[in-house]
Amino acid sequence: MDAKPNTTPKPGCRPLDDAPYWAGETFTDSAAGVAIEVLSADGYGETVRVTKT
């Protein structure tokens, strides 16, 4: 899922290069009944919380 679907990529970038969710952002899929929240991120990976609603 593109976190920023209305953003135009910078020159030389592909459409999904700016798509990641960053710390503090949440993706919610109401149809599946889940929310994925990015809690933190560093140079080694991300910590996320997955919640079933």
N, C-alpha and C. Protein backbone atom coordinates (compact mmCIF):
# COMPACT_ATOMS: atom_id res chain seq x y z
N MET A 1 0.85 -1.17 0.00
CA MET A 1 0.00 0.00 0.00
C MET A 1 0.90 1.23 0.00
N ASP A 2 0.64 2.14 -0.87
CA ASP A 2 1.40 3.38 -0.96
C ASP A 2 0.95 4.33 0.14
N ALA A 3 1.86 4.69 1.04
CA ALA A 3 1.52 5.59 2.15
C ALA A 3 1.29 7.02 1.68
N LYS A 4 1.81 7.35 0.53
CA LYS A 4 1.70 8.72 0.02
C LYS A 4 1.27 8.71 -1.45
N PRO A 5 0.05 8.24 -1.73
CA PRO A 5 -0.38 8.05 -3.12
C PRO A 5 -0.51 9.34 -3.92
N ASN A 6 -0.65 10.46 -3.27
CA ASN A 6 -0.84 11.72 -3.98
C ASN A 6 0.46 12.49 -4.18
N THR A 7 1.58 11.88 -3.81
CA THR A 7 2.88 12.53 -3.92
C THR A 7 3.53 12.17 -5.26
N THR A 8 4.11 13.17 -5.91
CA THR A 8 4.85 12.94 -7.14
C THR A 8 6.28 12.55 -6.79
N PRO A 9 6.78 11.42 -7.28
CA PRO A 9 8.15 11.01 -6.96
C PRO A 9 9.17 12.05 -7.43
N LYS A 10 10.26 12.12 -6.71
CA LYS A 10 11.36 13.01 -7.10
C LYS A 10 11.96 12.51 -8.41
N PRO A 11 12.60 13.39 -9.18
CA PRO A 11 13.22 12.95 -10.44
C PRO A 11 14.18 11.79 -10.20
N GLY A 12 14.09 10.78 -11.04
CA GLY A 12 14.94 9.61 -10.94
C GLY A 12 14.39 8.52 -10.03
N CYS A 13 13.27 8.79 -9.35
CA CYS A 13 12.67 7.81 -8.44
C CYS A 13 11.48 7.14 -9.13
N ARG A 14 11.17 5.96 -8.65
CA ARG A 14 10.01 5.22 -9.16
C ARG A 14 8.78 5.57 -8.32
N PRO A 15 7.58 5.30 -8.80
CA PRO A 15 6.37 5.70 -8.10
C PRO A 15 6.27 5.21 -6.65
N LEU A 16 6.79 4.03 -6.34
CA LEU A 16 6.67 3.53 -4.97
C LEU A 16 7.90 3.79 -4.11
N ASP A 17 8.87 4.55 -4.61
CA ASP A 17 10.06 4.85 -3.81
C ASP A 17 9.73 5.69 -2.58
N ASP A 18 8.64 6.44 -2.63
CA ASP A 18 8.24 7.26 -1.47
C ASP A 18 7.05 6.64 -0.74
N ALA A 19 6.80 5.36 -0.98
CA ALA A 19 5.61 4.71 -0.47
C ALA A 19 5.66 4.22 0.97
N PRO A 20 6.82 4.03 1.58
CA PRO A 20 6.83 3.42 2.91
C PRO A 20 6.10 4.23 3.96
N TYR A 21 5.58 3.51 4.92
CA TYR A 21 5.02 4.15 6.11
C TYR A 21 6.17 4.41 7.07
N TRP A 22 6.16 5.57 7.71
CA TRP A 22 7.21 5.96 8.64
C TRP A 22 6.72 5.83 10.06
N ALA A 23 7.62 5.91 11.02
CA ALA A 23 7.26 5.85 12.44
C ALA A 23 6.16 6.87 12.71
N GLY A 24 5.13 6.41 13.40
CA GLY A 24 4.00 7.27 13.72
C GLY A 24 2.85 7.16 12.74
N GLU A 25 3.05 6.47 11.62
CA GLU A 25 1.99 6.30 10.63
C GLU A 25 1.35 4.93 10.76
N THR A 26 0.08 4.84 10.37
CA THR A 26 -0.68 3.60 10.50
C THR A 26 -1.42 3.31 9.21
N PHE A 27 -1.40 2.04 8.82
CA PHE A 27 -2.21 1.56 7.70
C PHE A 27 -3.35 0.75 8.28
N THR A 28 -4.59 1.06 7.89
CA THR A 28 -5.76 0.33 8.37
C THR A 28 -6.48 -0.29 7.19
N ASP A 29 -6.72 -1.58 7.28
CA ASP A 29 -7.49 -2.30 6.26
C ASP A 29 -8.80 -2.71 6.91
N SER A 30 -9.82 -1.91 6.72
CA SER A 30 -11.11 -2.17 7.35
C SER A 30 -11.73 -3.47 6.88
N ALA A 31 -11.54 -3.81 5.61
CA ALA A 31 -12.12 -5.05 5.07
C ALA A 31 -11.52 -6.28 5.75
N ALA A 32 -10.21 -6.23 6.03
CA ALA A 32 -9.55 -7.37 6.68
C ALA A 32 -9.62 -7.26 8.20
N GLY A 33 -9.96 -6.08 8.71
CA GLY A 33 -10.06 -5.89 10.15
C GLY A 33 -8.72 -5.82 10.84
N VAL A 34 -7.72 -5.21 10.19
CA VAL A 34 -6.40 -5.08 10.80
C VAL A 34 -5.88 -3.66 10.67
N ALA A 35 -5.03 -3.29 11.62
CA ALA A 35 -4.31 -2.02 11.55
C ALA A 35 -2.85 -2.33 11.79
N ILE A 36 -1.97 -1.71 11.00
CA ILE A 36 -0.53 -1.90 11.14
C ILE A 36 0.06 -0.53 11.44
N GLU A 37 0.62 -0.39 12.62
CA GLU A 37 1.18 0.88 13.07
C GLU A 37 2.70 0.76 13.14
N VAL A 38 3.40 1.69 12.54
CA VAL A 38 4.86 1.70 12.61
C VAL A 38 5.24 2.45 13.88
N LEU A 39 5.82 1.73 14.83
CA LEU A 39 6.17 2.32 16.12
C LEU A 39 7.51 3.03 16.07
N SER A 40 8.49 2.41 15.41
CA SER A 40 9.82 3.02 15.33
C SER A 40 10.55 2.43 14.13
N ALA A 41 11.60 3.13 13.74
CA ALA A 41 12.42 2.67 12.62
C ALA A 41 13.84 3.19 12.82
N ASP A 42 14.81 2.37 12.42
CA ASP A 42 16.20 2.79 12.44
C ASP A 42 16.91 2.15 11.25
N GLY A 43 18.20 2.21 11.20
CA GLY A 43 18.94 1.67 10.07
C GLY A 43 18.93 0.16 9.97
N TYR A 44 18.34 -0.50 10.97
CA TYR A 44 18.34 -1.97 10.99
C TYR A 44 16.96 -2.57 10.74
N GLY A 45 15.91 -1.77 10.84
CA GLY A 45 14.57 -2.31 10.62
C GLY A 45 13.51 -1.45 11.27
N GLU A 46 12.31 -1.97 11.27
CA GLU A 46 11.17 -1.27 11.84
C GLU A 46 10.51 -2.12 12.90
N THR A 47 9.87 -1.45 13.85
CA THR A 47 9.06 -2.12 14.85
C THR A 47 7.62 -1.72 14.57
N VAL A 48 6.76 -2.74 14.39
CA VAL A 48 5.36 -2.47 14.07
C VAL A 48 4.45 -3.17 15.06
N ARG A 49 3.23 -2.65 15.14
CA ARG A 49 2.20 -3.29 15.96
C ARG A 49 1.05 -3.63 15.01
N VAL A 50 0.62 -4.89 15.03
CA VAL A 50 -0.51 -5.33 14.21
C VAL A 50 -1.67 -5.58 15.15
N THR A 51 -2.79 -4.91 14.87
CA THR A 51 -3.97 -5.03 15.73
C THR A 51 -5.14 -5.53 14.91
N LYS A 52 -5.79 -6.57 15.39
CA LYS A 52 -7.02 -7.08 14.74
C LYS A 52 -8.18 -6.38 15.39
N THR A 53 -9.02 -5.78 14.55
CA THR A 53 -10.16 -5.03 15.09
C THR A 53 -11.46 -5.78 14.96
